[in-house]
Amino acid sequence: MKQVNLTLTGLFKNLGLCVFMVVLASAFAGNLNAQSAYGLPSLKSADQAASDLMNAYNAILPQAKQAGQGSQLMNTAELYLKMVDALTNRSDRNMDTYSVLISSIDVSRYNNLVVRNGNALNTDATIRNVLNTPEYQSMVAVIRQ
């Protein structure tokens, strides 16, 4: 049998290697954000995005009312208002605009865009499909930095 050398320096050396690997892995994981995962551009701060979306909502509301309920313009106006509400009433004030945008996606409204893999949902593909709708593209254009 092979003898194992259990010395204090060997233990710290191995522990240091483990800590280094964890720090390295967390650094790489920290760079995986919504921007790289879903192709989103750099977005404004949450407060600035809420202000800009409210201004855009007020600008398109008269045309949306003329177009009527269910029109793409009315859906865009409703999405702007929903996002303003999500940005101003976020549960954690440290949430950035990406987090609020991704967490406020209404999958029930866009149920025709949900991607399934058997009985499971493919969340990434569903989010990409919803973000590619004209309403979300318009909203991202308003809050793009």
N, C-alpha and C. Protein backbone atom coordinates (compact mmCIF):
# COMPACT_ATOMS: atom_id res chain seq x y z
N MET A 1 0.82 -1.18 0.00
CA MET A 1 0.00 0.00 0.00
C MET A 1 0.87 1.25 0.00
N LYS A 2 0.31 2.28 -0.60
CA LYS A 2 1.05 3.53 -0.68
C LYS A 2 0.77 4.35 0.57
N GLN A 3 1.80 4.95 1.11
CA GLN A 3 1.63 5.78 2.30
C GLN A 3 1.30 7.21 1.86
N VAL A 4 0.40 7.81 2.59
CA VAL A 4 -0.01 9.18 2.32
C VAL A 4 0.66 10.08 3.33
N ASN A 5 1.27 11.13 2.86
CA ASN A 5 1.95 12.07 3.72
C ASN A 5 0.96 13.16 4.14
N LEU A 6 0.48 13.10 5.34
CA LEU A 6 -0.49 14.06 5.84
C LEU A 6 0.22 15.12 6.68
N THR A 7 0.83 16.05 6.01
CA THR A 7 1.50 17.14 6.70
C THR A 7 0.66 18.39 6.55
N LEU A 8 0.92 19.32 7.41
CA LEU A 8 0.17 20.57 7.40
C LEU A 8 0.45 21.38 6.14
N THR A 9 1.68 21.38 5.66
CA THR A 9 1.99 22.14 4.44
C THR A 9 1.32 21.52 3.23
N GLY A 10 1.26 20.20 3.15
CA GLY A 10 0.59 19.52 2.05
C GLY A 10 -0.90 19.82 2.04
N LEU A 11 -1.49 19.87 3.23
CA LEU A 11 -2.91 20.18 3.33
C LEU A 11 -3.19 21.60 2.85
N PHE A 12 -2.37 22.57 3.26
CA PHE A 12 -2.58 23.96 2.84
C PHE A 12 -2.32 24.13 1.35
N LYS A 13 -1.36 23.38 0.83
CA LYS A 13 -1.07 23.46 -0.59
C LYS A 13 -2.27 22.98 -1.41
N ASN A 14 -2.85 21.86 -1.02
CA ASN A 14 -4.02 21.33 -1.73
C ASN A 14 -5.25 22.20 -1.51
N LEU A 15 -5.40 22.72 -0.34
CA LEU A 15 -6.51 23.62 -0.06
C LEU A 15 -6.39 24.91 -0.87
N GLY A 16 -5.16 25.42 -0.98
CA GLY A 16 -4.92 26.62 -1.78
C GLY A 16 -5.25 26.39 -3.24
N LEU A 17 -4.92 25.21 -3.75
CA LEU A 17 -5.24 24.88 -5.13
C LEU A 17 -6.76 24.83 -5.34
N CYS A 18 -7.47 24.26 -4.39
CA CYS A 18 -8.93 24.19 -4.48
C CYS A 18 -9.56 25.59 -4.45
N VAL A 19 -9.07 26.43 -3.56
CA VAL A 19 -9.59 27.80 -3.46
C VAL A 19 -9.32 28.56 -4.75
N PHE A 20 -8.12 28.38 -5.32
CA PHE A 20 -7.78 29.04 -6.57
C PHE A 20 -8.73 28.60 -7.69
N MET A 21 -9.04 27.31 -7.77
CA MET A 21 -9.94 26.81 -8.81
C MET A 21 -11.36 27.36 -8.63
N VAL A 22 -11.81 27.47 -7.40
CA VAL A 22 -13.15 28.01 -7.15
C VAL A 22 -13.20 29.49 -7.54
N VAL A 23 -12.18 30.25 -7.19
CA VAL A 23 -12.13 31.67 -7.55
C VAL A 23 -12.08 31.82 -9.07
N LEU A 24 -11.30 31.00 -9.73
CA LEU A 24 -11.21 31.06 -11.18
C LEU A 24 -12.55 30.71 -11.84
N ALA A 25 -13.21 29.68 -11.34
CA ALA A 25 -14.50 29.29 -11.89
C ALA A 25 -15.55 30.37 -11.66
N SER A 26 -15.53 31.00 -10.50
CA SER A 26 -16.52 32.05 -10.23
C SER A 26 -16.25 33.29 -11.09
N ALA A 27 -15.00 33.54 -11.42
CA ALA A 27 -14.68 34.68 -12.30
C ALA A 27 -15.24 34.44 -13.69
N PHE A 28 -15.11 33.22 -14.19
CA PHE A 28 -15.67 32.90 -15.50
C PHE A 28 -17.19 32.90 -15.46
N ALA A 29 -17.77 32.39 -14.40
CA ALA A 29 -19.23 32.35 -14.28
C ALA A 29 -19.80 33.75 -14.15
N GLY A 30 -19.06 34.66 -13.55
CA GLY A 30 -19.54 36.03 -13.40
C GLY A 30 -19.65 36.75 -14.72
N ASN A 31 -18.88 36.33 -15.72
CA ASN A 31 -18.95 36.95 -17.03
C ASN A 31 -20.09 36.41 -17.87
N LEU A 32 -20.74 35.35 -17.43
CA LEU A 32 -21.87 34.80 -18.17
C LEU A 32 -23.13 35.52 -17.70
N ASN A 33 -23.46 36.60 -18.34
CA ASN A 33 -24.64 37.35 -17.95
C ASN A 33 -25.65 37.32 -19.08
N ALA A 34 -26.74 38.03 -18.90
CA ALA A 34 -27.81 38.03 -19.90
C ALA A 34 -27.34 38.60 -21.22
N GLN A 35 -26.40 39.51 -21.18
CA GLN A 35 -25.92 40.12 -22.41
C GLN A 35 -25.27 39.08 -23.31
N SER A 36 -24.40 38.27 -22.75
CA SER A 36 -23.73 37.27 -23.58
C SER A 36 -24.64 36.08 -23.85
N ALA A 37 -25.50 35.74 -22.92
CA ALA A 37 -26.36 34.58 -23.09
C ALA A 37 -27.47 34.82 -24.10
N TYR A 38 -28.02 36.01 -24.14
CA TYR A 38 -29.18 36.27 -24.99
C TYR A 38 -28.91 37.34 -26.05
N GLY A 39 -27.68 37.77 -26.19
CA GLY A 39 -27.35 38.73 -27.22
C GLY A 39 -27.91 40.12 -26.98
N LEU A 40 -28.15 40.48 -25.74
CA LEU A 40 -28.68 41.80 -25.41
C LEU A 40 -27.54 42.83 -25.44
N PRO A 41 -27.83 44.03 -25.91
CA PRO A 41 -26.81 45.08 -25.89
C PRO A 41 -26.64 45.60 -24.46
N SER A 42 -25.74 46.50 -24.28
CA SER A 42 -25.54 47.14 -22.99
C SER A 42 -26.77 47.99 -22.69
N LEU A 43 -27.36 47.78 -21.52
CA LEU A 43 -28.60 48.47 -21.16
C LEU A 43 -28.34 49.56 -20.13
N LYS A 44 -29.24 50.53 -20.09
CA LYS A 44 -29.14 51.65 -19.15
C LYS A 44 -29.37 51.16 -17.73
N SER A 45 -29.11 52.02 -16.78
CA SER A 45 -29.39 51.69 -15.39
C SER A 45 -30.90 51.54 -15.22
N ALA A 46 -31.31 50.88 -14.16
CA ALA A 46 -32.73 50.61 -13.96
C ALA A 46 -33.55 51.89 -13.86
N ASP A 47 -33.06 52.88 -13.12
CA ASP A 47 -33.82 54.12 -12.96
C ASP A 47 -33.91 54.89 -14.27
N GLN A 48 -32.81 54.95 -15.02
CA GLN A 48 -32.81 55.65 -16.30
C GLN A 48 -33.70 54.91 -17.31
N ALA A 49 -33.65 53.58 -17.31
CA ALA A 49 -34.47 52.79 -18.22
C ALA A 49 -35.95 53.00 -17.91
N ALA A 50 -36.32 53.05 -16.64
CA ALA A 50 -37.72 53.28 -16.26
C ALA A 50 -38.19 54.65 -16.74
N SER A 51 -37.36 55.65 -16.59
CA SER A 51 -37.70 57.00 -17.03
C SER A 51 -37.87 57.06 -18.54
N ASP A 52 -36.93 56.46 -19.27
CA ASP A 52 -36.99 56.47 -20.74
C ASP A 52 -38.18 55.67 -21.26
N LEU A 53 -38.47 54.55 -20.60
CA LEU A 53 -39.63 53.75 -21.03
C LEU A 53 -40.94 54.49 -20.77
N MET A 54 -41.01 55.24 -19.67
CA MET A 54 -42.23 56.01 -19.38
C MET A 54 -42.42 57.10 -20.43
N ASN A 55 -41.33 57.75 -20.82
CA ASN A 55 -41.41 58.77 -21.87
C ASN A 55 -41.85 58.15 -23.20
N ALA A 56 -41.30 56.99 -23.53
CA ALA A 56 -41.68 56.30 -24.77
C ALA A 56 -43.14 55.84 -24.71
N TYR A 57 -43.57 55.39 -23.54
CA TYR A 57 -44.97 54.98 -23.36
C TYR A 57 -45.90 56.16 -23.62
N ASN A 58 -45.59 57.30 -23.01
CA ASN A 58 -46.43 58.49 -23.21
C ASN A 58 -46.43 58.94 -24.67
N ALA A 59 -45.34 58.72 -25.38
CA ALA A 59 -45.26 59.13 -26.78
C ALA A 59 -46.11 58.24 -27.69
N ILE A 60 -46.16 56.93 -27.41
CA ILE A 60 -46.90 56.04 -28.32
C ILE A 60 -48.33 55.75 -27.86
N LEU A 61 -48.70 56.16 -26.66
CA LEU A 61 -50.03 55.84 -26.14
C LEU A 61 -51.18 56.36 -27.03
N PRO A 62 -51.16 57.62 -27.51
CA PRO A 62 -52.27 58.06 -28.36
C PRO A 62 -52.41 57.23 -29.63
N GLN A 63 -51.30 56.88 -30.26
CA GLN A 63 -51.35 56.05 -31.46
C GLN A 63 -51.82 54.64 -31.13
N ALA A 64 -51.41 54.13 -29.97
CA ALA A 64 -51.81 52.78 -29.56
C ALA A 64 -53.31 52.72 -29.29
N LYS A 65 -53.86 53.78 -28.69
CA LYS A 65 -55.30 53.82 -28.44
C LYS A 65 -56.06 53.86 -29.77
N GLN A 66 -55.52 54.58 -30.74
CA GLN A 66 -56.16 54.63 -32.06
C GLN A 66 -56.10 53.27 -32.74
N ALA A 67 -54.99 52.56 -32.60
CA ALA A 67 -54.84 51.26 -33.23
C ALA A 67 -55.76 50.22 -32.60
N GLY A 68 -56.08 50.40 -31.32
CA GLY A 68 -57.02 49.52 -30.66
C GLY A 68 -56.36 48.41 -29.87
N GLN A 69 -57.20 47.82 -29.02
CA GLN A 69 -56.74 46.73 -28.15
C GLN A 69 -56.33 45.53 -29.00
N GLY A 70 -55.23 44.91 -28.63
CA GLY A 70 -54.74 43.74 -29.35
C GLY A 70 -53.80 44.07 -30.49
N SER A 71 -53.66 45.34 -30.83
CA SER A 71 -52.73 45.70 -31.90
C SER A 71 -51.30 45.61 -31.38
N GLN A 72 -50.36 45.54 -32.30
CA GLN A 72 -48.96 45.44 -31.90
C GLN A 72 -48.51 46.68 -31.15
N LEU A 73 -49.01 47.84 -31.55
CA LEU A 73 -48.64 49.08 -30.87
C LEU A 73 -49.18 49.12 -29.45
N MET A 74 -50.40 48.62 -29.26
CA MET A 74 -50.98 48.57 -27.91
C MET A 74 -50.23 47.54 -27.06
N ASN A 75 -49.84 46.41 -27.65
CA ASN A 75 -49.06 45.42 -26.92
C ASN A 75 -47.70 45.99 -26.50
N THR A 76 -47.11 46.79 -27.38
CA THR A 76 -45.84 47.44 -27.06
C THR A 76 -46.01 48.43 -25.92
N ALA A 77 -47.07 49.24 -25.97
CA ALA A 77 -47.32 50.21 -24.91
C ALA A 77 -47.55 49.50 -23.57
N GLU A 78 -48.30 48.40 -23.58
CA GLU A 78 -48.55 47.65 -22.35
C GLU A 78 -47.25 47.03 -21.81
N LEU A 79 -46.40 46.57 -22.72
CA LEU A 79 -45.12 46.01 -22.31
C LEU A 79 -44.23 47.08 -21.68
N TYR A 80 -44.20 48.28 -22.27
CA TYR A 80 -43.44 49.38 -21.70
C TYR A 80 -43.91 49.66 -20.27
N LEU A 81 -45.22 49.75 -20.09
CA LEU A 81 -45.77 50.06 -18.77
C LEU A 81 -45.47 48.95 -17.77
N LYS A 82 -45.56 47.71 -18.22
CA LYS A 82 -45.25 46.58 -17.34
C LYS A 82 -43.79 46.60 -16.91
N MET A 83 -42.91 46.93 -17.86
CA MET A 83 -41.47 46.98 -17.55
C MET A 83 -41.15 48.15 -16.62
N VAL A 84 -41.82 49.29 -16.82
CA VAL A 84 -41.62 50.43 -15.91
C VAL A 84 -42.01 50.02 -14.50
N ASP A 85 -43.14 49.31 -14.37
CA ASP A 85 -43.58 48.84 -13.06
C ASP A 85 -42.57 47.86 -12.46
N ALA A 86 -42.06 46.95 -13.28
CA ALA A 86 -41.07 45.99 -12.79
C ALA A 86 -39.78 46.67 -12.37
N LEU A 87 -39.37 47.70 -13.10
CA LEU A 87 -38.12 48.41 -12.77
C LEU A 87 -38.27 49.26 -11.51
N THR A 88 -39.40 49.91 -11.35
CA THR A 88 -39.58 50.79 -10.19
C THR A 88 -39.93 50.02 -8.93
N ASN A 89 -40.55 48.87 -9.06
CA ASN A 89 -40.98 48.09 -7.89
C ASN A 89 -40.20 46.79 -7.74
N ARG A 90 -38.94 46.77 -8.19
CA ARG A 90 -38.16 45.55 -8.08
C ARG A 90 -37.91 45.22 -6.61
N SER A 91 -37.91 43.93 -6.31
CA SER A 91 -37.79 43.51 -4.91
C SER A 91 -36.41 43.81 -4.33
N ASP A 92 -35.39 43.74 -5.16
CA ASP A 92 -34.03 44.03 -4.72
C ASP A 92 -33.54 45.26 -5.48
N ARG A 93 -33.26 46.33 -4.78
CA ARG A 93 -32.83 47.58 -5.42
C ARG A 93 -31.50 47.43 -6.17
N ASN A 94 -30.78 46.33 -5.90
CA ASN A 94 -29.51 46.11 -6.58
C ASN A 94 -29.67 45.37 -7.90
N MET A 95 -30.89 44.96 -8.24
CA MET A 95 -31.12 44.27 -9.52
C MET A 95 -30.84 45.23 -10.66
N ASP A 96 -30.11 44.76 -11.65
CA ASP A 96 -29.85 45.60 -12.81
C ASP A 96 -30.97 45.41 -13.84
N THR A 97 -30.89 46.16 -14.91
CA THR A 97 -31.93 46.15 -15.93
C THR A 97 -32.03 44.79 -16.60
N TYR A 98 -30.88 44.12 -16.82
CA TYR A 98 -30.90 42.78 -17.41
C TYR A 98 -31.74 41.82 -16.57
N SER A 99 -31.47 41.81 -15.28
CA SER A 99 -32.17 40.89 -14.38
C SER A 99 -33.66 41.15 -14.37
N VAL A 100 -34.03 42.42 -14.32
CA VAL A 100 -35.45 42.77 -14.31
C VAL A 100 -36.10 42.38 -15.63
N LEU A 101 -35.42 42.64 -16.72
CA LEU A 101 -35.96 42.30 -18.04
C LEU A 101 -36.20 40.80 -18.17
N ILE A 102 -35.22 40.00 -17.82
CA ILE A 102 -35.34 38.55 -17.96
C ILE A 102 -36.39 38.00 -16.99
N SER A 103 -36.41 38.50 -15.77
CA SER A 103 -37.35 37.97 -14.78
C SER A 103 -38.79 38.42 -15.01
N SER A 104 -38.98 39.47 -15.78
CA SER A 104 -40.35 39.96 -15.99
C SER A 104 -40.98 39.48 -17.30
N ILE A 105 -40.31 38.57 -17.99
CA ILE A 105 -40.89 38.03 -19.23
C ILE A 105 -42.17 37.27 -18.89
N ASP A 106 -43.24 37.61 -19.60
CA ASP A 106 -44.54 37.00 -19.37
C ASP A 106 -44.72 35.85 -20.35
N VAL A 107 -44.38 34.65 -19.90
CA VAL A 107 -44.44 33.48 -20.78
C VAL A 107 -45.88 33.10 -21.09
N SER A 108 -46.80 33.40 -20.19
CA SER A 108 -48.20 33.05 -20.46
C SER A 108 -48.76 33.88 -21.61
N ARG A 109 -48.30 35.10 -21.76
CA ARG A 109 -48.75 35.95 -22.87
C ARG A 109 -48.17 35.48 -24.20
N TYR A 110 -46.94 34.99 -24.16
CA TYR A 110 -46.26 34.51 -25.36
C TYR A 110 -46.17 32.98 -25.35
N ASN A 111 -47.26 32.32 -24.97
CA ASN A 111 -47.25 30.86 -24.84
C ASN A 111 -47.02 30.15 -26.17
N ASN A 112 -47.28 30.81 -27.29
CA ASN A 112 -47.02 30.19 -28.58
C ASN A 112 -45.53 30.14 -28.90
N LEU A 113 -44.70 30.85 -28.15
CA LEU A 113 -43.26 30.87 -28.38
C LEU A 113 -42.49 29.95 -27.44
N VAL A 114 -43.21 29.25 -26.56
CA VAL A 114 -42.56 28.37 -25.59
C VAL A 114 -42.01 27.15 -26.32
N VAL A 115 -40.74 26.84 -26.06
CA VAL A 115 -40.08 25.70 -26.68
C VAL A 115 -40.03 24.57 -25.67
N ARG A 116 -40.48 23.41 -26.10
CA ARG A 116 -40.51 22.24 -25.21
C ARG A 116 -39.55 21.17 -25.71
N ASN A 117 -38.95 20.48 -24.77
CA ASN A 117 -38.14 19.29 -25.06
C ASN A 117 -38.82 18.13 -24.35
N GLY A 118 -39.72 17.49 -25.03
CA GLY A 118 -40.51 16.44 -24.39
C GLY A 118 -41.45 17.09 -23.39
N ASN A 119 -41.34 16.70 -22.13
CA ASN A 119 -42.17 17.30 -21.08
C ASN A 119 -41.51 18.51 -20.43
N ALA A 120 -40.25 18.73 -20.73
CA ALA A 120 -39.51 19.84 -20.12
C ALA A 120 -39.57 21.07 -21.01
N LEU A 121 -39.40 22.23 -20.38
CA LEU A 121 -39.35 23.49 -21.11
C LEU A 121 -37.90 23.87 -21.38
N ASN A 122 -37.64 24.34 -22.58
CA ASN A 122 -36.32 24.85 -22.92
C ASN A 122 -36.35 26.35 -22.64
N THR A 123 -35.90 26.73 -21.46
CA THR A 123 -36.01 28.11 -21.00
C THR A 123 -35.20 29.06 -21.86
N ASP A 124 -33.98 28.70 -22.19
CA ASP A 124 -33.13 29.60 -22.98
C ASP A 124 -33.73 29.88 -24.35
N ALA A 125 -34.21 28.85 -25.03
CA ALA A 125 -34.81 29.04 -26.36
C ALA A 125 -36.10 29.86 -26.25
N THR A 126 -36.87 29.65 -25.20
CA THR A 126 -38.10 30.41 -25.00
C THR A 126 -37.79 31.89 -24.78
N ILE A 127 -36.79 32.18 -23.94
CA ILE A 127 -36.41 33.58 -23.68
C ILE A 127 -35.91 34.23 -24.97
N ARG A 128 -35.11 33.52 -25.75
CA ARG A 128 -34.64 34.07 -27.02
C ARG A 128 -35.80 34.38 -27.96
N ASN A 129 -36.78 33.46 -28.04
CA ASN A 129 -37.95 33.67 -28.90
C ASN A 129 -38.74 34.90 -28.47
N VAL A 130 -38.96 35.05 -27.17
CA VAL A 130 -39.72 36.20 -26.67
C VAL A 130 -38.95 37.49 -26.91
N LEU A 131 -37.65 37.48 -26.68
CA LEU A 131 -36.84 38.69 -26.89
C LEU A 131 -36.77 39.09 -28.37
N ASN A 132 -37.06 38.17 -29.27
CA ASN A 132 -37.05 38.48 -30.69
C ASN A 132 -38.38 38.99 -31.22
N THR A 133 -39.39 39.13 -30.36
CA THR A 133 -40.67 39.67 -30.81
C THR A 133 -40.52 41.17 -31.04
N PRO A 134 -41.35 41.76 -31.90
CA PRO A 134 -41.24 43.20 -32.19
C PRO A 134 -41.43 44.07 -30.94
N GLU A 135 -42.29 43.63 -30.02
CA GLU A 135 -42.52 44.42 -28.80
C GLU A 135 -41.25 44.50 -27.95
N TYR A 136 -40.62 43.36 -27.75
CA TYR A 136 -39.40 43.35 -26.93
C TYR A 136 -38.25 44.03 -27.65
N GLN A 137 -38.15 43.87 -28.97
CA GLN A 137 -37.10 44.55 -29.71
C GLN A 137 -37.25 46.07 -29.60
N SER A 138 -38.49 46.54 -29.64
CA SER A 138 -38.75 47.97 -29.48
C SER A 138 -38.36 48.45 -28.09
N MET A 139 -38.69 47.64 -27.08
CA MET A 139 -38.35 48.01 -25.70
C MET A 139 -36.84 48.03 -25.50
N VAL A 140 -36.15 47.04 -26.04
CA VAL A 140 -34.69 46.99 -25.90
C VAL A 140 -34.06 48.18 -26.60
N ALA A 141 -34.64 48.60 -27.71
CA ALA A 141 -34.12 49.78 -28.42
C ALA A 141 -34.24 51.04 -27.57
N VAL A 142 -35.30 51.12 -26.76
CA VAL A 142 -35.49 52.30 -25.90
C VAL A 142 -34.51 52.28 -24.73
N ILE A 143 -34.24 51.11 -24.16
CA ILE A 143 -33.40 51.07 -22.97
C ILE A 143 -31.95 50.74 -23.27
N ARG A 144 -31.60 50.65 -24.55
CA ARG A 144 -30.21 50.41 -24.95
C ARG A 144 -29.37 51.62 -24.58
N GLN A 145 -28.17 51.36 -24.13
CA GLN A 145 -27.28 52.44 -23.71
C GLN A 145 -26.61 53.10 -24.88
